[in-house]
C-alpha atoms as a PDB file:
ATOM      1  CA  UNK A   1      89.262 119.850 100.483  1.00  0.00           C
ATOM      2  CA  UNK A   2      91.227 122.425 102.719  1.00  0.00           C
ATOM      3  CA  UNK A   3      95.126 122.695 101.916  1.00  0.00           C
ATOM      4  CA  UNK A   4      95.724 120.958 105.290  1.00  0.00           C
ATOM      5  CA  UNK A   5      93.628 117.474 104.210  1.00  0.00           C
ATOM      6  CA  UNK A   6      95.425 114.967 102.710  1.00  0.00           C
ATOM      7  CA  UNK A   7      94.145 111.956 101.079  1.00  0.00           C
ATOM      8  CA  UNK A   8      95.148 108.295 102.109  1.00  0.00           C
ATOM      9  CA  UNK A   9      94.352 105.177 101.241  1.00  0.00           C
ATOM     10  CA  UNK A  10      95.038 102.049 103.279  1.00  0.00           C
ATOM     11  CA  UNK A  11      95.819  99.813 100.500  1.00  0.00           C
ATOM     12  CA  UNK A  12      95.180  96.335 102.771  1.00  0.00           C
ATOM     13  CA  UNK A  13      93.089  95.444 105.735  1.00  0.00           C
ATOM     14  CA  UNK A  14      95.169  95.828 108.724  1.00  0.00           C
ATOM     15  CA  UNK A  15      97.314  98.997 107.078  1.00  0.00           C
ATOM     16  CA  UNK A  16      98.591 101.155 109.545  1.00  0.00           C
ATOM     17  CA  UNK A  17      97.438 105.018 109.291  1.00  0.00           C
ATOM     18  CA  UNK A  18     100.573 107.459 109.903  1.00  0.00           C
ATOM     19  CA  UNK A  19     100.337 109.440 112.959  1.00  0.00           C
ATOM     20  CA  UNK A  20     101.703 111.925 115.338  1.00  0.00           C
ATOM     21  CA  UNK A  21     102.941 110.668 118.220  1.00  0.00           C
ATOM     22  CA  UNK A  22     102.887 114.175 120.337  1.00  0.00           C
ATOM     23  CA  UNK A  23     100.643 117.210 119.855  1.00  0.00           C
ATOM     24  CA  UNK A  24     104.230 119.213 118.937  1.00  0.00           C
ATOM     25  CA  UNK A  25     105.043 116.538 116.600  1.00  0.00           C
ATOM     26  CA  UNK A  26     106.133 117.752 112.954  1.00  0.00           C
ATOM     27  CA  UNK A  27     106.423 114.381 111.649  1.00  0.00           C
ATOM     28  CA  UNK A  28     104.069 111.685 111.569  1.00  0.00           C
ATOM     29  CA  UNK A  29     105.392 108.325 112.360  1.00  0.00           C
ATOM     30  CA  UNK A  30     105.054 105.420 109.489  1.00  0.00           C
ATOM     31  CA  UNK A  31     104.924 101.657 110.317  1.00  0.00           C
ATOM     32  CA  UNK A  32     106.027  99.178 108.467  1.00  0.00           C
ATOM     33  CA  UNK A  33     103.399  96.879 106.690  1.00  0.00           C
ATOM     34  CA  UNK A  34     104.529  93.326 106.250  1.00  0.00           C
ATOM     35  CA  UNK A  35     103.435  89.929 106.332  1.00  0.00           C
ATOM     36  CA  UNK A  36     106.138  88.750 108.333  1.00  0.00           C
ATOM     37  CA  UNK A  37     109.206  90.175 110.328  1.00  0.00           C
ATOM     38  CA  UNK A  38     112.427  91.001 108.278  1.00  0.00           C
ATOM     39  CA  UNK A  39     116.048  91.256 109.134  1.00  0.00           C
ATOM     40  CA  UNK A  40     118.385  94.470 108.524  1.00  0.00           C
ATOM     41  CA  UNK A  41     121.911  93.150 108.367  1.00  0.00           C
ATOM     42  CA  UNK A  42     124.765  95.455 108.985  1.00  0.00           C
ATOM     43  CA  UNK A  43     125.876  97.335 105.746  1.00  0.00           C
ATOM     44  CA  UNK A  44     122.606  96.035 104.058  1.00  0.00           C
ATOM     45  CA  UNK A  45     119.475  97.822 102.673  1.00  0.00           C
ATOM     46  CA  UNK A  46     115.679  97.256 102.586  1.00  0.00           C
ATOM     47  CA  UNK A  47     113.131  98.401 101.131  1.00  0.00           C
ATOM     48  CA  UNK A  48     110.196  98.454 103.786  1.00  0.00           C
ATOM     49  CA  UNK A  49     106.536  98.886 102.902  1.00  0.00           C
ATOM     50  CA  UNK A  50     103.753 100.903 104.568  1.00  0.00           C
ATOM     51  CA  UNK A  51     100.893  99.805 103.319  1.00  0.00           C
ATOM     52  CA  UNK A  52      99.732 103.474 102.094  1.00  0.00           C
ATOM     53  CA  UNK A  53      99.488 105.470  99.158  1.00  0.00           C
ATOM     54  CA  UNK A  54      98.257 109.462  99.519  1.00  0.00           C
ATOM     55  CA  UNK A  55      97.029 112.215  97.660  1.00  0.00           C
ATOM     56  CA  UNK A  56      98.838 115.029  98.217  1.00  0.00           C
ATOM     57  CA  UNK A  57      97.597 119.195  97.085  1.00  0.00           C
ATOM     58  CA  UNK A  58      99.343 120.825  94.158  1.00  0.00           C
ATOM     59  CA  UNK A  59     102.344 122.449  95.715  1.00  0.00           C
ATOM     60  CA  UNK A  60     102.847 120.109  98.500  1.00  0.00           C
ATOM     61  CA  UNK A  61     105.521 117.646  99.015  1.00  0.00           C
ATOM     62  CA  UNK A  62     105.698 114.461 101.936  1.00  0.00           C
ATOM     63  CA  UNK A  63     109.273 114.288 103.348  1.00  0.00           C
ATOM     64  CA  UNK A  64     110.191 110.483 104.677  1.00  0.00           C
ATOM     65  CA  UNK A  65     112.622 110.890 107.582  1.00  0.00           C
ATOM     66  CA  UNK A  66     114.592 108.691 109.747  1.00  0.00           C
ATOM     67  CA  UNK A  67     113.502 108.573 113.243  1.00  0.00           C
ATOM     68  CA  UNK A  68     116.243 109.767 115.787  1.00  0.00           C
ATOM     69  CA  UNK A  69     115.263 106.674 118.055  1.00  0.00           C
ATOM     70  CA  UNK A  70     116.272 103.841 115.455  1.00  0.00           C
ATOM     71  CA  UNK A  71     119.206 106.046 114.898  1.00  0.00           C
ATOM     72  CA  UNK A  72     120.681 106.067 117.805  1.00  0.00           C
ATOM     73  CA  UNK A  73     119.533 102.918 119.208  1.00  0.00           C
ATOM     74  CA  UNK A  74     120.350 100.335 116.465  1.00  0.00           C
ATOM     75  CA  UNK A  75     121.994 102.416 113.712  1.00  0.00           C
ATOM     76  CA  UNK A  76     119.108 102.290 111.501  1.00  0.00           C
ATOM     77  CA  UNK A  77     118.644 105.337 108.668  1.00  0.00           C
ATOM     78  CA  UNK A  78     117.592 105.681 105.109  1.00  0.00           C
ATOM     79  CA  UNK A  79     119.826 105.623 102.395  1.00  0.00           C
ATOM     80  CA  UNK A  80     118.795 108.654 100.454  1.00  0.00           C
ATOM     81  CA  UNK A  81     119.086 110.593 103.674  1.00  0.00           C
ATOM     82  CA  UNK A  82     115.292 112.150 103.026  1.00  0.00           C
ATOM     83  CA  UNK A  83     112.797 110.929 100.406  1.00  0.00           C
ATOM     84  CA  UNK A  84     110.713 112.957  98.489  1.00  0.00           C
ATOM     85  CA  UNK A  85     106.919 111.951  97.932  1.00  0.00           C
ATOM     86  CA  UNK A  86     106.101 114.130  94.996  1.00  0.00           C
ATOM     87  CA  UNK A  87     101.956 115.587  94.573  1.00  0.00           C
ATOM     88  CA  UNK A  88     101.562 113.050  91.686  1.00  0.00           C
ATOM     89  CA  UNK A  89     102.993 109.821  93.263  1.00  0.00           C
ATOM     90  CA  UNK A  90     100.266 107.305  94.139  1.00  0.00           C
ATOM     91  CA  UNK A  91     102.171 104.343  94.623  1.00  0.00           C
ATOM     92  CA  UNK A  92     102.479 102.794  97.850  1.00  0.00           C
ATOM     93  CA  UNK A  93     104.958 104.678 100.203  1.00  0.00           C
ATOM     94  CA  UNK A  94     108.205 102.296 101.043  1.00  0.00           C
ATOM     95  CA  UNK A  95     110.945 103.559 103.261  1.00  0.00           C
ATOM     96  CA  UNK A  96     114.636 102.146 102.088  1.00  0.00           C
ATOM     97  CA  UNK A  97     116.150 101.786 105.643  1.00  0.00           C
ATOM     98  CA  UNK A  98     120.049 100.633 105.751  1.00  0.00           C
ATOM     99  CA  UNK A  99     121.583  99.293 109.065  1.00  0.00           C
ATOM    100  CA  UNK A 100     124.808 101.587 109.651  1.00  0.00           C
ATOM    101  CA  UNK A 101     124.609  99.743 112.937  1.00  0.00           C
ATOM    102  CA  UNK A 102     126.891  96.666 114.025  1.00  0.00           C
ATOM    103  CA  UNK A 103     124.217  93.605 114.542  1.00  0.00           C
ATOM    104  CA  UNK A 104     121.050  92.581 112.932  1.00  0.00           C
ATOM    105  CA  UNK A 105     118.216  94.673 113.320  1.00  0.00           C
ATOM    106  CA  UNK A 106     114.631  92.912 112.998  1.00  0.00           C
ATOM    107  CA  UNK A 107     111.362  94.715 112.049  1.00  0.00           C
ATOM    108  CA  UNK A 108     108.044  93.522 112.636  1.00  0.00           C
ATOM    109  CA  UNK A 109     104.526  94.569 110.959  1.00  0.00           C
ATOM    110  CA  UNK A 110     103.456  97.815 112.931  1.00  0.00           C
ATOM    111  CA  UNK A 111     107.028  98.880 113.792  1.00  0.00           C
ATOM    112  CA  UNK A 112     107.149 102.679 113.428  1.00  0.00           C
ATOM    113  CA  UNK A 113     109.874 102.911 110.798  1.00  0.00           C
ATOM    114  CA  UNK A 114     110.222 106.605 109.691  1.00  0.00           C
ATOM    115  CA  UNK A 115     108.352 110.073 110.133  1.00  0.00           C
ATOM    116  CA  UNK A 116     107.047 111.750 107.199  1.00  0.00           C
ATOM    117  CA  UNK A 117     106.704 115.632 106.902  1.00  0.00           C
ATOM    118  CA  UNK A 118     104.347 117.697 104.768  1.00  0.00           C
ATOM    119  CA  UNK A 119     105.628 120.871 103.615  1.00  0.00           C
ATOM    120  CA  UNK A 120     104.667 123.408 100.764  1.00  0.00           C
ATOM    121  CA  UNK A 121     107.443 124.253  97.877  1.00  0.00           C
ATOM    122  CA  UNK A 122     107.847 126.611  95.658  1.00  0.00           C
ATOM    123  CA  UNK A 123     109.138 125.727  91.661  1.00  0.00           C
ATOM    124  CA  UNK A 124     111.919 128.157  90.425  1.00  0.00           C
ATOM    125  CA  UNK A 125     112.193 129.252  87.538  1.00  0.00           C
ATOM    126  CA  UNK A 126     115.663 129.432  85.684  1.00  0.00           C
ATOM    127  CA  UNK A 127     116.744 132.859  84.307  1.00  0.00           C
ATOM    128  CA  UNK A 128     120.228 132.246  82.536  1.00  0.00           C
ATOM    129  CA  UNK A 129     123.184 135.092  83.560  1.00  0.00           C
ATOM    130  CA  UNK A 130     126.161 135.647  81.867  1.00  0.00           C
ATOM    131  CA  UNK A 131     127.659 136.976  85.223  1.00  0.00           C
ATOM    132  CA  UNK A 132     126.659 137.130  89.249  1.00  0.00           C
ATOM    133  CA  UNK A 133     126.707 139.075  91.411  1.00  0.00           C
ATOM    134  CA  UNK A 134     129.868 138.994  93.990  1.00  0.00           C
ATOM    135  CA  UNK A 135     129.635 138.119  97.411  1.00  0.00           C
ATOM    136  CA  UNK A 136     131.423 138.445 100.500  1.00  0.00           C
ATOM    137  CA  UNK A 137     131.431 134.695 100.420  1.00  0.00           C
ATOM    138  CA  UNK A 138     131.796 134.320  96.658  1.00  0.00           C
ATOM    139  CA  UNK A 139     132.981 130.387  95.768  1.00  0.00           C
ATOM    140  CA  UNK A 140     133.697 129.746  99.580  1.00  0.00           C
ATOM    141  CA  UNK A 141     132.566 126.154 100.476  1.00  0.00           C
ATOM    142  CA  UNK A 142     133.381 123.028 101.874  1.00  0.00           C
ATOM    143  CA  UNK A 143     134.636 124.449 105.101  1.00  0.00           C
ATOM    144  CA  UNK A 144     135.941 127.768 103.984  1.00  0.00           C
ATOM    145  CA  UNK A 145     134.759 129.312 107.126  1.00  0.00           C
ATOM    146  CA  UNK A 146     136.547 126.888 109.736  1.00  0.00           C
ATOM    147  CA  UNK A 147     135.849 124.192 112.012  1.00  0.00           C
END
């Protein structure tokens, strides 16, 4: 299998294959797989199934991210910011949506609810140290460089 090949299983008839909408898109859209419409009310979360599961090669993850159009138009985002699908996960991909908007939003079967980016990663190996070298920044954080 080519490193860029990812096995995908459509879990039910009528499920949707994630798709890149443009030639330059980094993320492929994930679609809702629903038996009936669902509504997300302001301040509430909803776990939305996609009807697909995947097998990623070792050393890869799938990042599930919000769609900017849903965020800008309806206030819909992901509760966890970015979701991670590990290479050893074989369950259905589900997306935890939150409605940060002011009105209810209805999600229908086939709606594009999130985007998924496949990324290579490295595993770190910890090396204990009693002292860390100084840097110009050192422990400065949380706005230490100003606005």
